[in-house]
Amino acid sequence: MSLRHAVLAALLSGEYSGYQLTKAFDVGVANFWYARPQQLYSELSKLEDGGLISGRDVVQQARPTKRLFTVTDAGLAELARFAADVGKPSFIRDDLLVKVQAVDHVDAAPVIAQLDQRAAAAAAKVEILDKLLLRFRGDLDEEAYLRHGTPIGPYLTCLRGKRFEQEHHDWSVRAAALLRDRAARNHSAPTPDQAR
């Protein structure tokens, strides 16, 4: 998958400015694709140059003119082609996991601190995704929405993102607690000199 497909998929929800798109990536799209604002603006230009999106200028009172983008028929065809391609399996690439892997040979305190930070960030994302899922559902319960609600695609990706972040939170909390406990036991164990 490339950023172009993530941007095209995000624009299916409606007409967005570059600024609105960066906000959409912060909340709804961040659960499956991360991109910096500069990358998004650059991709919007490429997509427009390639005819996959179209943009229109909107003049605003006392504010700069903004450009709003929508997906074109060519963009929809590109998404259809992408959806039909066989996807590659996902994989984890996380520097914190490398640090945890090495924790037996390095100072555990900074790794524990990073696990705590990661748990807090994941909990905050779960809260944001819960609110987004509720906004999608309205008065429907989850099962009713899954059977009859629209849009279903963004809802399912948010649901997956929430489960990912919840698991990330739970693992980070447990790993930090285990490392803290082991560090405390190792610190209180007598040294060979004290044992004599």
N, C-alpha and C. Protein backbone atom coordinates (compact mmCIF):
# COMPACT_ATOMS: atom_id res chain seq x y z
N MET A 1 0.84 -1.18 0.00
CA MET A 1 0.00 0.00 0.00
C MET A 1 0.88 1.22 0.00
N SER A 2 0.41 2.27 -0.64
CA SER A 2 1.15 3.51 -0.66
C SER A 2 0.30 4.61 -0.04
N LEU A 3 0.94 5.71 0.25
CA LEU A 3 0.23 6.86 0.81
C LEU A 3 -0.89 7.30 -0.13
N ARG A 4 -0.68 7.18 -1.44
CA ARG A 4 -1.70 7.63 -2.40
C ARG A 4 -3.03 6.91 -2.16
N HIS A 5 -2.98 5.63 -1.86
CA HIS A 5 -4.22 4.89 -1.64
C HIS A 5 -4.88 5.29 -0.33
N ALA A 6 -4.07 5.54 0.69
CA ALA A 6 -4.63 5.98 1.97
C ALA A 6 -5.30 7.35 1.82
N VAL A 7 -4.69 8.25 1.05
CA VAL A 7 -5.28 9.57 0.82
C VAL A 7 -6.57 9.44 0.01
N LEU A 8 -6.53 8.65 -1.05
CA LEU A 8 -7.75 8.44 -1.85
C LEU A 8 -8.88 7.87 -0.99
N ALA A 9 -8.56 6.90 -0.15
CA ALA A 9 -9.58 6.29 0.72
C ALA A 9 -10.13 7.32 1.70
N ALA A 10 -9.27 8.17 2.26
CA ALA A 10 -9.73 9.19 3.20
C ALA A 10 -10.64 10.20 2.51
N LEU A 11 -10.34 10.53 1.25
CA LEU A 11 -11.15 11.51 0.52
C LEU A 11 -12.51 10.96 0.09
N LEU A 12 -12.72 9.66 0.22
CA LEU A 12 -14.03 9.10 -0.13
C LEU A 12 -15.13 9.59 0.80
N SER A 13 -14.74 10.06 1.99
CA SER A 13 -15.73 10.54 2.97
C SER A 13 -16.31 11.89 2.59
N GLY A 14 -15.68 12.58 1.66
CA GLY A 14 -16.19 13.90 1.27
C GLY A 14 -15.09 14.78 0.75
N GLU A 15 -15.43 16.04 0.63
CA GLU A 15 -14.50 17.04 0.12
C GLU A 15 -13.67 17.57 1.29
N TYR A 16 -12.34 17.51 1.16
CA TYR A 16 -11.45 17.93 2.24
C TYR A 16 -10.41 18.92 1.73
N SER A 17 -10.05 19.85 2.59
CA SER A 17 -8.88 20.69 2.34
C SER A 17 -7.66 19.90 2.83
N GLY A 18 -6.48 20.38 2.50
CA GLY A 18 -5.27 19.73 3.01
C GLY A 18 -5.25 19.72 4.53
N TYR A 19 -5.65 20.83 5.13
CA TYR A 19 -5.68 20.92 6.60
C TYR A 19 -6.65 19.90 7.18
N GLN A 20 -7.86 19.82 6.60
CA GLN A 20 -8.84 18.86 7.09
C GLN A 20 -8.35 17.43 6.93
N LEU A 21 -7.64 17.19 5.85
CA LEU A 21 -7.10 15.85 5.61
C LEU A 21 -6.06 15.49 6.67
N THR A 22 -5.20 16.45 7.06
CA THR A 22 -4.23 16.16 8.11
C THR A 22 -4.94 15.83 9.41
N LYS A 23 -6.05 16.51 9.70
CA LYS A 23 -6.82 16.20 10.91
C LYS A 23 -7.46 14.82 10.81
N ALA A 24 -7.96 14.47 9.62
CA ALA A 24 -8.55 13.14 9.42
C ALA A 24 -7.50 12.06 9.63
N PHE A 25 -6.28 12.31 9.17
CA PHE A 25 -5.20 11.35 9.36
C PHE A 25 -4.84 11.24 10.83
N ASP A 26 -4.91 12.34 11.57
CA ASP A 26 -4.61 12.30 13.01
C ASP A 26 -5.57 11.41 13.76
N VAL A 27 -6.83 11.40 13.35
CA VAL A 27 -7.85 10.68 14.10
C VAL A 27 -8.24 9.37 13.44
N GLY A 28 -8.93 9.43 12.32
CA GLY A 28 -9.53 8.23 11.73
C GLY A 28 -8.59 7.37 10.94
N VAL A 29 -7.64 7.96 10.23
CA VAL A 29 -6.78 7.19 9.35
C VAL A 29 -5.53 6.72 10.08
N ALA A 30 -5.19 7.40 11.17
CA ALA A 30 -3.97 7.06 11.90
C ALA A 30 -3.98 5.63 12.43
N ASN A 31 -5.17 5.02 12.54
CA ASN A 31 -5.20 3.64 13.03
C ASN A 31 -4.72 2.65 11.98
N PHE A 32 -4.55 3.08 10.73
CA PHE A 32 -3.98 2.16 9.74
C PHE A 32 -2.91 2.78 8.87
N TRP A 33 -2.72 4.10 8.94
CA TRP A 33 -1.67 4.71 8.13
C TRP A 33 -1.24 6.01 8.78
N TYR A 34 0.07 6.20 8.91
CA TYR A 34 0.60 7.44 9.47
C TYR A 34 1.30 8.22 8.38
N ALA A 35 1.08 9.52 8.36
CA ALA A 35 1.79 10.40 7.42
C ALA A 35 1.93 11.78 8.05
N ARG A 36 3.08 12.41 7.81
CA ARG A 36 3.31 13.77 8.27
C ARG A 36 2.55 14.73 7.36
N PRO A 37 2.15 15.91 7.87
CA PRO A 37 1.42 16.88 7.05
C PRO A 37 2.13 17.21 5.73
N GLN A 38 3.46 17.35 5.77
CA GLN A 38 4.20 17.66 4.54
C GLN A 38 4.01 16.56 3.49
N GLN A 39 4.00 15.31 3.95
CA GLN A 39 3.80 14.19 3.03
C GLN A 39 2.40 14.24 2.41
N LEU A 40 1.41 14.60 3.22
CA LEU A 40 0.04 14.67 2.72
C LEU A 40 -0.11 15.75 1.66
N TYR A 41 0.44 16.94 1.93
CA TYR A 41 0.33 18.04 0.96
C TYR A 41 1.04 17.66 -0.35
N SER A 42 2.19 17.04 -0.23
CA SER A 42 2.92 16.61 -1.42
C SER A 42 2.11 15.57 -2.20
N GLU A 43 1.50 14.64 -1.49
CA GLU A 43 0.71 13.59 -2.14
C GLU A 43 -0.53 14.17 -2.81
N LEU A 44 -1.15 15.16 -2.18
CA LEU A 44 -2.31 15.80 -2.80
C LEU A 44 -1.93 16.42 -4.15
N SER A 45 -0.77 17.07 -4.20
CA SER A 45 -0.31 17.66 -5.47
C SER A 45 -0.10 16.59 -6.52
N LYS A 46 0.54 15.48 -6.14
CA LYS A 46 0.78 14.39 -7.09
C LYS A 46 -0.52 13.78 -7.59
N LEU A 47 -1.47 13.58 -6.67
CA LEU A 47 -2.75 12.99 -7.05
C LEU A 47 -3.53 13.91 -7.98
N GLU A 48 -3.47 15.22 -7.70
CA GLU A 48 -4.17 16.16 -8.57
C GLU A 48 -3.50 16.22 -9.94
N ASP A 49 -2.17 16.25 -9.96
CA ASP A 49 -1.44 16.25 -11.24
C ASP A 49 -1.73 15.00 -12.05
N GLY A 50 -1.94 13.87 -11.35
CA GLY A 50 -2.23 12.61 -12.02
C GLY A 50 -3.69 12.42 -12.38
N GLY A 51 -4.54 13.38 -12.03
CA GLY A 51 -5.95 13.29 -12.37
C GLY A 51 -6.76 12.37 -11.47
N LEU A 52 -6.17 11.93 -10.34
CA LEU A 52 -6.89 11.02 -9.45
C LEU A 52 -7.79 11.75 -8.46
N ILE A 53 -7.50 13.04 -8.24
CA ILE A 53 -8.37 13.90 -7.45
C ILE A 53 -8.51 15.22 -8.21
N SER A 54 -9.56 15.94 -7.88
CA SER A 54 -9.70 17.29 -8.43
C SER A 54 -9.80 18.26 -7.26
N GLY A 55 -9.29 19.46 -7.48
CA GLY A 55 -9.33 20.48 -6.45
C GLY A 55 -10.05 21.71 -6.93
N ARG A 56 -10.66 22.41 -6.00
CA ARG A 56 -11.29 23.68 -6.32
C ARG A 56 -10.96 24.68 -5.22
N ASP A 57 -10.79 25.93 -5.60
CA ASP A 57 -10.47 26.99 -4.65
C ASP A 57 -11.74 27.55 -4.04
N VAL A 58 -11.69 27.80 -2.73
CA VAL A 58 -12.81 28.42 -2.02
C VAL A 58 -12.27 29.68 -1.36
N VAL A 59 -12.80 30.83 -1.78
CA VAL A 59 -12.38 32.11 -1.22
C VAL A 59 -13.08 32.30 0.11
N GLN A 60 -12.31 32.69 1.13
CA GLN A 60 -12.84 32.88 2.48
C GLN A 60 -12.65 34.33 2.90
N GLN A 61 -13.58 34.85 3.68
CA GLN A 61 -13.47 36.20 4.21
C GLN A 61 -12.36 36.26 5.26
N ALA A 62 -11.45 37.19 5.12
CA ALA A 62 -10.39 37.46 6.10
C ALA A 62 -9.49 36.25 6.38
N ARG A 63 -9.52 35.28 5.50
CA ARG A 63 -8.66 34.10 5.64
C ARG A 63 -8.14 33.74 4.26
N PRO A 64 -7.03 33.02 4.22
CA PRO A 64 -6.51 32.63 2.90
C PRO A 64 -7.48 31.71 2.16
N THR A 65 -7.41 31.75 0.85
CA THR A 65 -8.21 30.85 0.02
C THR A 65 -7.80 29.41 0.32
N LYS A 66 -8.79 28.55 0.45
CA LYS A 66 -8.45 27.14 0.68
C LYS A 66 -8.82 26.33 -0.55
N ARG A 67 -8.15 25.21 -0.68
CA ARG A 67 -8.38 24.31 -1.81
C ARG A 67 -9.03 23.04 -1.27
N LEU A 68 -10.16 22.66 -1.86
CA LEU A 68 -10.88 21.46 -1.46
C LEU A 68 -10.70 20.39 -2.53
N PHE A 69 -10.52 19.14 -2.08
CA PHE A 69 -10.22 18.04 -2.99
C PHE A 69 -11.29 16.96 -2.91
N THR A 70 -11.57 16.35 -4.06
CA THR A 70 -12.47 15.20 -4.15
C THR A 70 -11.84 14.15 -5.07
N VAL A 71 -12.26 12.93 -4.90
CA VAL A 71 -11.77 11.83 -5.74
C VAL A 71 -12.47 11.87 -7.09
N THR A 72 -11.72 11.70 -8.17
CA THR A 72 -12.28 11.65 -9.52
C THR A 72 -12.63 10.21 -9.90
N ASP A 73 -13.24 10.04 -11.05
CA ASP A 73 -13.52 8.69 -11.54
C ASP A 73 -12.23 7.90 -11.72
N ALA A 74 -11.17 8.57 -12.16
CA ALA A 74 -9.87 7.90 -12.31
C ALA A 74 -9.34 7.47 -10.94
N GLY A 75 -9.58 8.29 -9.91
CA GLY A 75 -9.18 7.93 -8.55
C GLY A 75 -9.95 6.73 -8.03
N LEU A 76 -11.25 6.70 -8.32
CA LEU A 76 -12.06 5.54 -7.92
C LEU A 76 -11.59 4.27 -8.64
N ALA A 77 -11.23 4.41 -9.92
CA ALA A 77 -10.73 3.26 -10.67
C ALA A 77 -9.40 2.78 -10.07
N GLU A 78 -8.54 3.72 -9.64
CA GLU A 78 -7.27 3.33 -9.00
C GLU A 78 -7.53 2.61 -7.69
N LEU A 79 -8.50 3.08 -6.91
CA LEU A 79 -8.85 2.38 -5.66
C LEU A 79 -9.43 1.00 -5.94
N ALA A 80 -10.23 0.87 -6.99
CA ALA A 80 -10.79 -0.44 -7.35
C ALA A 80 -9.67 -1.40 -7.74
N ARG A 81 -8.70 -0.91 -8.52
CA ARG A 81 -7.56 -1.74 -8.90
C ARG A 81 -6.77 -2.15 -7.66
N PHE A 82 -6.54 -1.19 -6.77
CA PHE A 82 -5.81 -1.46 -5.54
C PHE A 82 -6.55 -2.48 -4.68
N ALA A 83 -7.87 -2.33 -4.55
CA ALA A 83 -8.67 -3.25 -3.73
C ALA A 83 -8.64 -4.66 -4.28
N ALA A 84 -8.50 -4.80 -5.61
CA ALA A 84 -8.47 -6.14 -6.22
C ALA A 84 -7.10 -6.80 -6.13
N ASP A 85 -6.04 -6.01 -5.93
CA ASP A 85 -4.69 -6.59 -5.79
C ASP A 85 -4.58 -7.41 -4.51
N VAL A 86 -3.80 -8.46 -4.55
CA VAL A 86 -3.56 -9.26 -3.36
C VAL A 86 -2.66 -8.47 -2.42
N GLY A 87 -3.11 -8.28 -1.19
CA GLY A 87 -2.35 -7.52 -0.21
C GLY A 87 -1.21 -8.32 0.39
N LYS A 88 -0.21 -7.61 0.84
CA LYS A 88 0.91 -8.24 1.53
C LYS A 88 0.57 -8.37 3.01
N PRO A 89 1.08 -9.41 3.68
CA PRO A 89 0.81 -9.53 5.11
C PRO A 89 1.42 -8.34 5.86
N SER A 90 0.74 -7.93 6.91
CA SER A 90 1.27 -6.83 7.72
C SER A 90 2.39 -7.35 8.61
N PHE A 91 3.21 -6.44 9.10
CA PHE A 91 4.30 -6.81 9.99
C PHE A 91 4.52 -5.68 10.99
N ILE A 92 5.16 -6.03 12.08
CA ILE A 92 5.47 -5.05 13.12
C ILE A 92 6.90 -4.57 12.91
N ARG A 93 7.05 -3.26 12.98
CA ARG A 93 8.38 -2.66 12.93
C ARG A 93 8.37 -1.54 13.96
N ASP A 94 8.85 -1.84 15.15
CA ASP A 94 8.69 -0.93 16.28
C ASP A 94 9.98 -0.87 17.07
N ASP A 95 10.56 0.31 17.18
CA ASP A 95 11.83 0.45 17.91
C ASP A 95 11.70 0.10 19.38
N LEU A 96 10.51 0.30 19.98
CA LEU A 96 10.34 -0.05 21.38
C LEU A 96 10.47 -1.56 21.59
N LEU A 97 10.01 -2.34 20.64
CA LEU A 97 10.16 -3.79 20.76
C LEU A 97 11.63 -4.21 20.71
N VAL A 98 12.42 -3.50 19.94
CA VAL A 98 13.86 -3.78 19.91
C VAL A 98 14.47 -3.50 21.28
N LYS A 99 14.03 -2.41 21.90
CA LYS A 99 14.54 -2.04 23.23
C LYS A 99 14.14 -3.09 24.27
N VAL A 100 12.89 -3.55 24.19
CA VAL A 100 12.44 -4.58 25.12
C VAL A 100 13.22 -5.87 24.89
N GLN A 101 13.47 -6.19 23.63
CA GLN A 101 14.26 -7.39 23.31
C GLN A 101 15.64 -7.34 23.97
N ALA A 102 16.21 -6.13 24.06
CA ALA A 102 17.57 -5.97 24.60
C ALA A 102 17.58 -5.65 26.10
N VAL A 103 16.42 -5.64 26.75
CA VAL A 103 16.32 -5.14 28.12
C VAL A 103 17.16 -5.94 29.13
N ASP A 104 17.49 -7.17 28.83
CA ASP A 104 18.32 -7.96 29.75
C ASP A 104 19.76 -7.47 29.78
N HIS A 105 20.14 -6.64 28.83
CA HIS A 105 21.53 -6.20 28.71
C HIS A 105 21.71 -4.69 28.79
N VAL A 106 20.60 -3.97 29.02
CA VAL A 106 20.67 -2.50 29.13
C VAL A 106 19.93 -2.07 30.39
N ASP A 107 20.04 -0.81 30.73
CA ASP A 107 19.30 -0.26 31.87
C ASP A 107 17.81 -0.34 31.56
N ALA A 108 17.06 -1.01 32.40
CA ALA A 108 15.62 -1.21 32.15
C ALA A 108 14.80 0.04 32.42
N ALA A 109 15.29 0.96 33.24
CA ALA A 109 14.48 2.13 33.65
C ALA A 109 13.97 2.94 32.46
N PRO A 110 14.83 3.31 31.49
CA PRO A 110 14.28 4.09 30.37
C PRO A 110 13.31 3.28 29.50
N VAL A 111 13.52 1.99 29.43
CA VAL A 111 12.61 1.15 28.65
C VAL A 111 11.25 1.10 29.35
N ILE A 112 11.26 0.96 30.67
CA ILE A 112 10.01 0.97 31.44
C ILE A 112 9.28 2.30 31.26
N ALA A 113 10.03 3.39 31.32
CA ALA A 113 9.42 4.71 31.14
C ALA A 113 8.77 4.83 29.76
N GLN A 114 9.44 4.30 28.74
CA GLN A 114 8.87 4.35 27.39
C GLN A 114 7.64 3.46 27.26
N LEU A 115 7.63 2.33 27.95
CA LEU A 115 6.44 1.48 27.96
C LEU A 115 5.27 2.21 28.61
N ASP A 116 5.56 2.92 29.71
CA ASP A 116 4.51 3.72 30.37
C ASP A 116 3.96 4.79 29.43
N GLN A 117 4.86 5.46 28.72
CA GLN A 117 4.43 6.49 27.77
C GLN A 117 3.60 5.88 26.65
N ARG A 118 4.04 4.76 26.15
CA ARG A 118 3.32 4.09 25.07
C ARG A 118 1.93 3.66 25.53
N ALA A 119 1.83 3.16 26.77
CA ALA A 119 0.53 2.75 27.30
C ALA A 119 -0.41 3.94 27.40
N ALA A 120 0.10 5.07 27.87
CA ALA A 120 -0.73 6.27 27.99
C ALA A 120 -1.19 6.76 26.62
N ALA A 121 -0.29 6.75 25.64
CA ALA A 121 -0.65 7.18 24.29
C ALA A 121 -1.70 6.24 23.69
N ALA A 122 -1.55 4.94 23.91
CA ALA A 122 -2.51 3.98 23.38
C ALA A 122 -3.88 4.17 24.04
N ALA A 123 -3.89 4.42 25.35
CA ALA A 123 -5.16 4.65 26.05
C ALA A 123 -5.86 5.89 25.50
N ALA A 124 -5.09 6.94 25.20
CA ALA A 124 -5.67 8.16 24.63
C ALA A 124 -6.25 7.88 23.25
N LYS A 125 -5.57 7.06 22.45
CA LYS A 125 -6.08 6.73 21.12
C LYS A 125 -7.35 5.89 21.22
N VAL A 126 -7.39 4.97 22.18
CA VAL A 126 -8.60 4.17 22.38
C VAL A 126 -9.78 5.09 22.68
N GLU A 127 -9.55 6.08 23.53
CA GLU A 127 -10.62 7.02 23.88
C GLU A 127 -11.09 7.80 22.65
N ILE A 128 -10.16 8.26 21.84
CA ILE A 128 -10.52 8.99 20.61
C ILE A 128 -11.29 8.10 19.66
N LEU A 129 -10.82 6.87 19.47
CA LEU A 129 -11.50 5.95 18.56
C LEU A 129 -12.87 5.55 19.07
N ASP A 130 -13.02 5.41 20.41
CA ASP A 130 -14.34 5.13 20.98
C ASP A 130 -15.32 6.25 20.63
N LYS A 131 -14.87 7.50 20.75
CA LYS A 131 -15.73 8.64 20.43
C LYS A 131 -16.08 8.65 18.94
N LEU A 132 -15.12 8.33 18.11
CA LEU A 132 -15.36 8.30 16.67
C LEU A 132 -16.35 7.19 16.31
N LEU A 133 -16.18 6.02 16.92
CA LEU A 133 -17.11 4.91 16.67
C LEU A 133 -18.52 5.28 17.13
N LEU A 134 -18.63 5.95 18.25
CA LEU A 134 -19.93 6.37 18.76
C LEU A 134 -20.57 7.39 17.82
N ARG A 135 -19.75 8.29 17.28
CA ARG A 135 -20.26 9.29 16.33
C ARG A 135 -20.80 8.59 15.07
N PHE A 136 -20.11 7.55 14.60
CA PHE A 136 -20.61 6.78 13.46
C PHE A 136 -21.95 6.13 13.80
N ARG A 137 -22.00 5.47 14.96
CA ARG A 137 -23.17 4.65 15.33
C ARG A 137 -24.40 5.47 15.66
N GLY A 138 -24.21 6.62 16.29
CA GLY A 138 -25.37 7.38 16.76
C GLY A 138 -26.12 6.58 17.80
N ASP A 139 -27.40 6.39 17.57
CA ASP A 139 -28.25 5.68 18.53
C ASP A 139 -28.19 4.16 18.40
N LEU A 140 -27.53 3.66 17.36
CA LEU A 140 -27.48 2.21 17.15
C LEU A 140 -26.45 1.56 18.07
N ASP A 141 -26.75 0.34 18.50
CA ASP A 141 -25.70 -0.40 19.20
C ASP A 141 -24.75 -0.97 18.15
N GLU A 142 -23.62 -1.49 18.59
CA GLU A 142 -22.59 -1.90 17.63
C GLU A 142 -23.07 -2.98 16.67
N GLU A 143 -23.75 -3.99 17.17
CA GLU A 143 -24.20 -5.08 16.28
C GLU A 143 -25.18 -4.58 15.23
N ALA A 144 -26.08 -3.69 15.62
CA ALA A 144 -27.03 -3.13 14.65
C ALA A 144 -26.29 -2.31 13.61
N TYR A 145 -25.31 -1.53 14.05
CA TYR A 145 -24.55 -0.73 13.09
C TYR A 145 -23.77 -1.64 12.14
N LEU A 146 -23.15 -2.67 12.67
CA LEU A 146 -22.38 -3.59 11.82
C LEU A 146 -23.27 -4.27 10.78
N ARG A 147 -24.52 -4.51 11.11
CA ARG A 147 -25.43 -5.15 10.16
C ARG A 147 -26.01 -4.16 9.14
N HIS A 148 -26.33 -2.93 9.59
CA HIS A 148 -27.10 -2.04 8.73
C HIS A 148 -26.52 -0.63 8.56
N GLY A 149 -25.55 -0.25 9.38
CA GLY A 149 -25.07 1.13 9.35
C GLY A 149 -24.17 1.44 8.17
N THR A 150 -24.09 2.72 7.86
CA THR A 150 -23.17 3.20 6.83
C THR A 150 -22.52 4.47 7.34
N PRO A 151 -21.28 4.72 6.99
CA PRO A 151 -20.41 3.88 6.18
C PRO A 151 -19.82 2.74 7.01
N ILE A 152 -19.64 1.61 6.40
CA ILE A 152 -19.10 0.45 7.13
C ILE A 152 -17.59 0.39 7.08
N GLY A 153 -16.97 0.77 5.94
CA GLY A 153 -15.51 0.68 5.81
C GLY A 153 -14.76 1.48 6.87
N PRO A 154 -15.04 2.79 7.00
CA PRO A 154 -14.35 3.57 8.03
C PRO A 154 -14.64 3.04 9.44
N TYR A 155 -15.86 2.53 9.65
CA TYR A 155 -16.19 1.99 10.97
C TYR A 155 -15.32 0.78 11.28
N LEU A 156 -15.22 -0.13 10.31
CA LEU A 156 -14.41 -1.34 10.53
C LEU A 156 -12.94 -1.01 10.75
N THR A 157 -12.40 -0.03 10.02
CA THR A 157 -11.00 0.32 10.23
C THR A 157 -10.79 0.96 11.60
N CYS A 158 -11.76 1.76 12.05
CA CYS A 158 -11.65 2.34 13.40
C CYS A 158 -11.76 1.25 14.47
N LEU A 159 -12.64 0.28 14.23
CA LEU A 159 -12.79 -0.83 15.17
C LEU A 159 -11.49 -1.62 15.28
N ARG A 160 -10.84 -1.86 14.13
CA ARG A 160 -9.55 -2.57 14.13
C ARG A 160 -8.49 -1.73 14.84
N GLY A 161 -8.49 -0.43 14.56
CA GLY A 161 -7.53 0.46 15.22
C GLY A 161 -7.71 0.46 16.72
N LYS A 162 -8.96 0.47 17.17
CA LYS A 162 -9.23 0.46 18.61
C LYS A 162 -8.71 -0.84 19.24
N ARG A 163 -8.96 -1.94 18.60
CA ARG A 163 -8.50 -3.22 19.16
C ARG A 163 -6.98 -3.29 19.18
N PHE A 164 -6.34 -2.77 18.13
CA PHE A 164 -4.88 -2.72 18.09
C PHE A 164 -4.35 -1.88 19.24
N GLU A 165 -4.91 -0.69 19.41
CA GLU A 165 -4.43 0.21 20.47
C GLU A 165 -4.71 -0.37 21.86
N GLN A 166 -5.85 -1.03 22.03
CA GLN A 166 -6.16 -1.64 23.33
C GLN A 166 -5.14 -2.74 23.66
N GLU A 167 -4.84 -3.57 22.68
CA GLU A 167 -3.84 -4.63 22.89
C GLU A 167 -2.47 -4.01 23.16
N HIS A 168 -2.15 -2.95 22.42
CA HIS A 168 -0.88 -2.26 22.62
C HIS A 168 -0.80 -1.71 24.04
N HIS A 169 -1.88 -1.11 24.52
CA HIS A 169 -1.94 -0.60 25.89
C HIS A 169 -1.74 -1.72 26.90
N ASP A 170 -2.53 -2.79 26.75
CA ASP A 170 -2.49 -3.88 27.72
C ASP A 170 -1.10 -4.52 27.77
N TRP A 171 -0.48 -4.74 26.60
CA TRP A 171 0.85 -5.33 26.57
C TRP A 171 1.88 -4.39 27.21
N SER A 172 1.80 -3.11 26.91
CA SER A 172 2.76 -2.15 27.46
C SER A 172 2.66 -2.08 28.98
N VAL A 173 1.44 -2.05 29.49
CA VAL A 173 1.23 -2.01 30.95
C VAL A 173 1.80 -3.26 31.59
N ARG A 174 1.50 -4.43 31.01
CA ARG A 174 1.98 -5.69 31.59
C ARG A 174 3.50 -5.79 31.51
N ALA A 175 4.09 -5.44 30.36
CA ALA A 175 5.54 -5.52 30.21
C ALA A 175 6.23 -4.59 31.19
N ALA A 176 5.72 -3.36 31.35
CA ALA A 176 6.32 -2.41 32.30
C ALA A 176 6.22 -2.94 33.73
N ALA A 177 5.08 -3.50 34.10
CA ALA A 177 4.90 -4.05 35.45
C ALA A 177 5.86 -5.21 35.71
N LEU A 178 5.98 -6.10 34.73
CA LEU A 178 6.90 -7.23 34.89
C LEU A 178 8.35 -6.77 35.02
N LEU A 179 8.76 -5.83 34.20
CA LEU A 179 10.13 -5.32 34.27
C LEU A 179 10.38 -4.58 35.57
N ARG A 180 9.39 -3.83 36.05
CA ARG A 180 9.52 -3.14 37.34
C ARG A 180 9.69 -4.15 38.47
N ASP A 181 8.85 -5.18 38.44
CA ASP A 181 8.90 -6.22 39.48
C ASP A 181 10.25 -6.93 39.47
N ARG A 182 10.74 -7.28 38.30
CA ARG A 182 12.03 -7.96 38.20
C ARG A 182 13.17 -7.06 38.67
N ALA A 183 13.10 -5.77 38.32
CA ALA A 183 14.14 -4.83 38.75
C ALA A 183 14.13 -4.69 40.27
N ALA A 184 12.93 -4.65 40.86
CA ALA A 184 12.82 -4.53 42.32
C ALA A 184 13.37 -5.78 43.00
N ARG A 185 13.06 -6.94 42.46
CA ARG A 185 13.58 -8.19 43.06
C ARG A 185 15.09 -8.28 42.91
N ASN A 186 15.61 -7.89 41.74
CA ASN A 186 17.06 -7.94 41.53
C ASN A 186 17.78 -6.94 42.42
N HIS A 187 17.16 -5.80 42.67
CA HIS A 187 17.76 -4.76 43.51
C HIS A 187 17.80 -5.18 44.98
N SER A 188 16.76 -5.93 45.40
CA SER A 188 16.70 -6.34 46.81
C SER A 188 17.44 -7.65 47.07
N ALA A 189 17.85 -8.35 46.02
CA ALA A 189 18.58 -9.61 46.23
C ALA A 189 19.97 -9.30 46.77
N PRO A 190 20.46 -10.09 47.71
CA PRO A 190 21.79 -9.84 48.27
C PRO A 190 22.88 -10.07 47.23
N THR A 191 23.90 -9.25 47.30
CA THR A 191 25.07 -9.45 46.44
C THR A 191 25.87 -10.62 46.98
N PRO A 192 26.80 -11.20 46.23
CA PRO A 192 27.60 -12.32 46.74
C PRO A 192 28.34 -11.95 48.02
N ASP A 193 28.84 -10.71 48.14
CA ASP A 193 29.53 -10.27 49.37
C ASP A 193 28.59 -10.23 50.56
N GLN A 194 27.33 -9.77 50.32
CA GLN A 194 26.36 -9.67 51.42
C GLN A 194 25.92 -11.05 51.87
N ALA A 195 25.92 -12.02 50.98
CA ALA A 195 25.46 -13.35 51.33
C ALA A 195 26.40 -14.08 52.26
N ARG A 196 27.68 -13.63 52.36
CA ARG A 196 28.65 -14.32 53.21
C ARG A 196 28.52 -14.04 54.64
